[in-house]
Amino acid sequence: MNGVLILLPIALFLGLIGLAAFFWAMRNGQLDDPDGAASRILMDDDEDAPL
């Protein structure tokens, strides 16, 4: 039972840190390009190919 009293607040604290990091990323525009990766995978990179 003592482990629960220690681990539960640690888990809640780490969860809040993760949630804060997610909202920080949203506010700073880290998630603004949902179509970029989908179209980049279809581009041909012939100029980077070895001769």
PDB file of N, CA and C in Angstrom:
ATOM      1  N   MET A   1       0.823  -1.204   0.000  1.00  0.00           N
ATOM      2  CA  MET A   1       0.000   0.000   0.000  1.00  0.00           C
ATOM      3  C   MET A   1       0.861   1.259   0.000  1.00  0.00           C
ATOM      4  N   ASN A   2       2.040   1.173   0.625  1.00  0.00           N
ATOM      5  CA  ASN A   2       2.917   2.347   0.650  1.00  0.00           C
ATOM      6  C   ASN A   2       3.417   2.714  -0.742  1.00  0.00           C
ATOM      7  N   GLY A   3       3.577   1.706  -1.597  1.00  0.00           N
ATOM      8  CA  GLY A   3       4.020   1.975  -2.966  1.00  0.00           C
ATOM      9  C   GLY A   3       3.007   2.786  -3.744  1.00  0.00           C
ATOM     10  N   VAL A   4       1.731   2.525  -3.513  1.00  0.00           N
ATOM     11  CA  VAL A   4       0.673   3.264  -4.193  1.00  0.00           C
ATOM     12  C   VAL A   4       0.702   4.732  -3.771  1.00  0.00           C
ATOM     13  N   LEU A   5       0.981   4.981  -2.517  1.00  0.00           N
ATOM     14  CA  LEU A   5       1.011   6.361  -2.025  1.00  0.00           C
ATOM     15  C   LEU A   5       2.171   7.154  -2.623  1.00  0.00           C
ATOM     16  N   ILE A   6       3.194   6.458  -3.060  1.00  0.00           N
ATOM     17  CA  ILE A   6       4.337   7.133  -3.685  1.00  0.00           C
ATOM     18  C   ILE A   6       4.163   7.208  -5.195  1.00  0.00           C
ATOM     19  N   LEU A   7       3.749   6.098  -5.804  1.00  0.00           N
ATOM     20  CA  LEU A   7       3.697   6.027  -7.261  1.00  0.00           C
ATOM     21  C   LEU A   7       2.519   6.774  -7.866  1.00  0.00           C
ATOM     22  N   LEU A   8       1.402   6.856  -7.187  1.00  0.00           N
ATOM     23  CA  LEU A   8       0.240   7.549  -7.731  1.00  0.00           C
ATOM     24  C   LEU A   8       0.497   9.042  -7.943  1.00  0.00           C
ATOM     25  N   PRO A   9       1.037   9.773  -6.977  1.00  0.00           N
ATOM     26  CA  PRO A   9       1.329  11.185  -7.243  1.00  0.00           C
ATOM     27  C   PRO A   9       2.405  11.383  -8.317  1.00  0.00           C
ATOM     28  N   ILE A  10       3.375  10.473  -8.374  1.00  0.00           N
ATOM     29  CA  ILE A  10       4.399  10.569  -9.411  1.00  0.00           C
ATOM     30  C   ILE A  10       3.767  10.374 -10.785  1.00  0.00           C
ATOM     31  N   ALA A  11       2.875   9.393 -10.923  1.00  0.00           N
ATOM     32  CA  ALA A  11       2.206   9.140 -12.198  1.00  0.00           C
ATOM     33  C   ALA A  11       1.327  10.318 -12.602  1.00  0.00           C
ATOM     34  N   LEU A  12       0.617  10.890 -11.663  1.00  0.00           N
ATOM     35  CA  LEU A  12      -0.217  12.065 -11.970  1.00  0.00           C
ATOM     36  C   LEU A  12       0.633  13.250 -12.377  1.00  0.00           C
ATOM     37  N   PHE A  13       1.745  13.449 -11.700  1.00  0.00           N
ATOM     38  CA  PHE A  13       2.648  14.554 -12.026  1.00  0.00           C
ATOM     39  C   PHE A  13       3.221  14.386 -13.434  1.00  0.00           C
ATOM     40  N   LEU A  14       3.673  13.174 -13.768  1.00  0.00           N
ATOM     41  CA  LEU A  14       4.217  12.930 -15.104  1.00  0.00           C
ATOM     42  C   LEU A  14       3.136  13.063 -16.180  1.00  0.00           C
ATOM     43  N   GLY A  15       1.924  12.665 -15.866  1.00  0.00           N
ATOM     44  CA  GLY A  15       0.826  12.846 -16.809  1.00  0.00           C
ATOM     45  C   GLY A  15       0.526  14.307 -17.064  1.00  0.00           C
ATOM     46  N   LEU A  16       0.570  15.111 -16.022  1.00  0.00           N
ATOM     47  CA  LEU A  16       0.351  16.554 -16.186  1.00  0.00           C
ATOM     48  C   LEU A  16       1.474  17.204 -16.973  1.00  0.00           C
ATOM     49  N   ILE A  17       2.700  16.735 -16.777  1.00  0.00           N
ATOM     50  CA  ILE A  17       3.818  17.263 -17.568  1.00  0.00           C
ATOM     51  C   ILE A  17       3.624  16.926 -19.045  1.00  0.00           C
ATOM     52  N   GLY A  18       3.195  15.693 -19.341  1.00  0.00           N
ATOM     53  CA  GLY A  18       2.928  15.308 -20.729  1.00  0.00           C
ATOM     54  C   GLY A  18       1.801  16.108 -21.343  1.00  0.00           C
ATOM     55  N   LEU A  19       0.759  16.352 -20.583  1.00  0.00           N
ATOM     56  CA  LEU A  19      -0.362  17.158 -21.076  1.00  0.00           C
ATOM     57  C   LEU A  19       0.070  18.603 -21.324  1.00  0.00           C
ATOM     58  N   ALA A  20       0.867  19.143 -20.436  1.00  0.00           N
ATOM     59  CA  ALA A  20       1.376  20.506 -20.619  1.00  0.00           C
ATOM     60  C   ALA A  20       2.272  20.590 -21.847  1.00  0.00           C
ATOM     61  N   ALA A  21       3.102  19.576 -22.078  1.00  0.00           N
ATOM     62  CA  ALA A  21       3.961  19.568 -23.264  1.00  0.00           C
ATOM     63  C   ALA A  21       3.127  19.483 -24.535  1.00  0.00           C
ATOM     64  N   PHE A  22       2.049  18.715 -24.511  1.00  0.00           N
ATOM     65  CA  PHE A  22       1.170  18.623 -25.673  1.00  0.00           C
ATOM     66  C   PHE A  22       0.520  19.960 -25.977  1.00  0.00           C
ATOM     67  N   PHE A  23      -0.017  20.624 -24.949  1.00  0.00           N
ATOM     68  CA  PHE A  23      -0.641  21.925 -25.179  1.00  0.00           C
ATOM     69  C   PHE A  23       0.378  22.974 -25.598  1.00  0.00           C
ATOM     70  N   TRP A  24       1.606  22.891 -25.093  1.00  0.00           N
ATOM     71  CA  TRP A  24       2.662  23.814 -25.518  1.00  0.00           C
ATOM     72  C   TRP A  24       2.964  23.614 -26.999  1.00  0.00           C
ATOM     73  N   ALA A  25       3.040  22.352 -27.441  1.00  0.00           N
ATOM     74  CA  ALA A  25       3.320  22.068 -28.844  1.00  0.00           C
ATOM     75  C   ALA A  25       2.189  22.556 -29.736  1.00  0.00           C
ATOM     76  N   MET A  26       0.953  22.402 -29.285  1.00  0.00           N
ATOM     77  CA  MET A  26      -0.172  22.901 -30.073  1.00  0.00           C
ATOM     78  C   MET A  26      -0.142  24.416 -30.197  1.00  0.00           C
ATOM     79  N   ARG A  27       0.168  25.095 -29.096  1.00  0.00           N
ATOM     80  CA  ARG A  27       0.159  26.555 -29.096  1.00  0.00           C
ATOM     81  C   ARG A  27       1.297  27.124 -29.936  1.00  0.00           C
ATOM     82  N   ASN A  28       2.429  26.432 -30.014  1.00  0.00           N
ATOM     83  CA  ASN A  28       3.578  26.934 -30.754  1.00  0.00           C
ATOM     84  C   ASN A  28       3.622  26.459 -32.198  1.00  0.00           C
ATOM     85  N   GLY A  29       2.568  25.817 -32.681  1.00  0.00           N
ATOM     86  CA  GLY A  29       2.483  25.472 -34.093  1.00  0.00           C
ATOM     87  C   GLY A  29       3.229  24.212 -34.485  1.00  0.00           C
ATOM     88  N   GLN A  30       3.531  23.335 -33.563  1.00  0.00           N
ATOM     89  CA  GLN A  30       4.246  22.114 -33.899  1.00  0.00           C
ATOM     90  C   GLN A  30       3.371  21.128 -34.657  1.00  0.00           C
ATOM     91  N   LEU A  31       2.064  21.240 -34.558  1.00  0.00           N
ATOM     92  CA  LEU A  31       1.153  20.275 -35.160  1.00  0.00           C
ATOM     93  C   LEU A  31       0.319  20.900 -36.281  1.00  0.00           C
ATOM     94  N   ASP A  32       0.827  21.933 -36.937  1.00  0.00           N
ATOM     95  CA  ASP A  32       0.047  22.667 -37.930  1.00  0.00           C
ATOM     96  C   ASP A  32       0.114  22.107 -39.340  1.00  0.00           C
ATOM     97  N   ASP A  33       0.947  21.095 -39.612  1.00  0.00           N
ATOM     98  CA  ASP A  33       1.140  20.617 -40.975  1.00  0.00           C
ATOM     99  C   ASP A  33       0.702  19.160 -41.110  1.00  0.00           C
ATOM    100  N   PRO A  34      -0.610  18.894 -41.098  1.00  0.00           N
ATOM    101  CA  PRO A  34      -1.050  17.497 -41.169  1.00  0.00           C
ATOM    102  C   PRO A  34      -0.869  16.876 -42.548  1.00  0.00           C
ATOM    103  N   ASP A  35      -0.834  17.670 -43.630  1.00  0.00           N
ATOM    104  CA  ASP A  35      -0.724  17.123 -44.974  1.00  0.00           C
ATOM    105  C   ASP A  35       0.697  17.109 -45.501  1.00  0.00           C
ATOM    106  N   GLY A  36       1.622  17.735 -44.805  1.00  0.00           N
ATOM    107  CA  GLY A  36       3.004  17.827 -45.291  1.00  0.00           C
ATOM    108  C   GLY A  36       3.680  16.480 -45.410  1.00  0.00           C
ATOM    109  N   ALA A  37       3.609  15.656 -44.397  1.00  0.00           N
ATOM    110  CA  ALA A  37       4.269  14.354 -44.434  1.00  0.00           C
ATOM    111  C   ALA A  37       3.608  13.433 -45.448  1.00  0.00           C
ATOM    112  N   ALA A  38       2.299  13.546 -45.605  1.00  0.00           N
ATOM    113  CA  ALA A  38       1.592  12.692 -46.553  1.00  0.00           C
ATOM    114  C   ALA A  38       1.991  13.009 -47.990  1.00  0.00           C
ATOM    115  N   SER A  39       2.240  14.270 -48.304  1.00  0.00           N
ATOM    116  CA  SER A  39       2.638  14.609 -49.667  1.00  0.00           C
ATOM    117  C   SER A  39       4.138  14.463 -49.875  1.00  0.00           C
ATOM    118  N   ARG A  40       4.934  14.606 -48.825  1.00  0.00           N
ATOM    119  CA  ARG A  40       6.386  14.474 -48.949  1.00  0.00           C
ATOM    120  C   ARG A  40       6.802  13.052 -49.283  1.00  0.00           C
ATOM    121  N   ILE A  41       6.041  12.076 -48.837  1.00  0.00           N
ATOM    122  CA  ILE A  41       6.415  10.690 -49.102  1.00  0.00           C
ATOM    123  C   ILE A  41       6.233  10.343 -50.575  1.00  0.00           C
ATOM    124  N   LEU A  42       5.405  11.086 -51.283  1.00  0.00           N
ATOM    125  CA  LEU A  42       5.163  10.817 -52.698  1.00  0.00           C
ATOM    126  C   LEU A  42       6.153  11.531 -53.608  1.00  0.00           C
ATOM    127  N   MET A  43       6.934  12.457 -53.092  1.00  0.00           N
ATOM    128  CA  MET A  43       7.891  13.202 -53.913  1.00  0.00           C
ATOM    129  C   MET A  43       9.075  12.313 -54.284  1.00  0.00           C
ATOM    130  N   ASP A  44       9.569  12.513 -55.494  1.00  0.00           N
ATOM    131  CA  ASP A  44      10.739  11.775 -55.968  1.00  0.00           C
ATOM    132  C   ASP A  44      11.988  12.560 -55.641  1.00  0.00           C
ATOM    133  N   ASP A  45      12.979  11.889 -55.095  1.00  0.00           N
ATOM    134  CA  ASP A  45      14.252  12.535 -54.771  1.00  0.00           C
ATOM    135  C   ASP A  45      15.341  12.037 -55.708  1.00  0.00           C
ATOM    136  N   ASP A  46      15.141  12.250 -57.011  1.00  0.00           N
ATOM    137  CA  ASP A  46      16.110  11.770 -57.996  1.00  0.00           C
ATOM    138  C   ASP A  46      17.425  12.524 -57.907  1.00  0.00           C
ATOM    139  N   GLU A  47      17.397  13.781 -57.493  1.00  0.00           N
ATOM    140  CA  GLU A  47      18.636  14.552 -57.447  1.00  0.00           C
ATOM    141  C   GLU A  47      19.548  14.088 -56.315  1.00  0.00           C
ATOM    142  N   ASP A  48      19.015  13.360 -55.345  1.00  0.00           N
ATOM    143  CA  ASP A  48      19.830  12.867 -54.248  1.00  0.00           C
ATOM    144  C   ASP A  48      20.378  11.465 -54.495  1.00  0.00           C
ATOM    145  N   ALA A  49      19.991  10.846 -55.603  1.00  0.00           N
ATOM    146  CA  ALA A  49      20.424   9.476 -55.897  1.00  0.00           C
ATOM    147  C   ALA A  49      21.890   9.475 -56.312  1.00  0.00           C
ATOM    148  N   PRO A  50      22.647   8.448 -55.933  1.00  0.00           N
ATOM    149  CA  PRO A  50      24.061   8.357 -56.368  1.00  0.00           C
ATOM    150  C   PRO A  50      24.153   8.095 -57.863  1.00  0.00           C
ATOM    151  N   LEU A  51      25.242   8.510 -58.462  1.00  0.00           N
ATOM    152  CA  LEU A  51      25.428   8.338 -59.919  1.00  0.00           C
ATOM    153  C   LEU A  51      25.822   6.943 -60.273  1.00  0.00           C
TER     154      LEU A  51
END
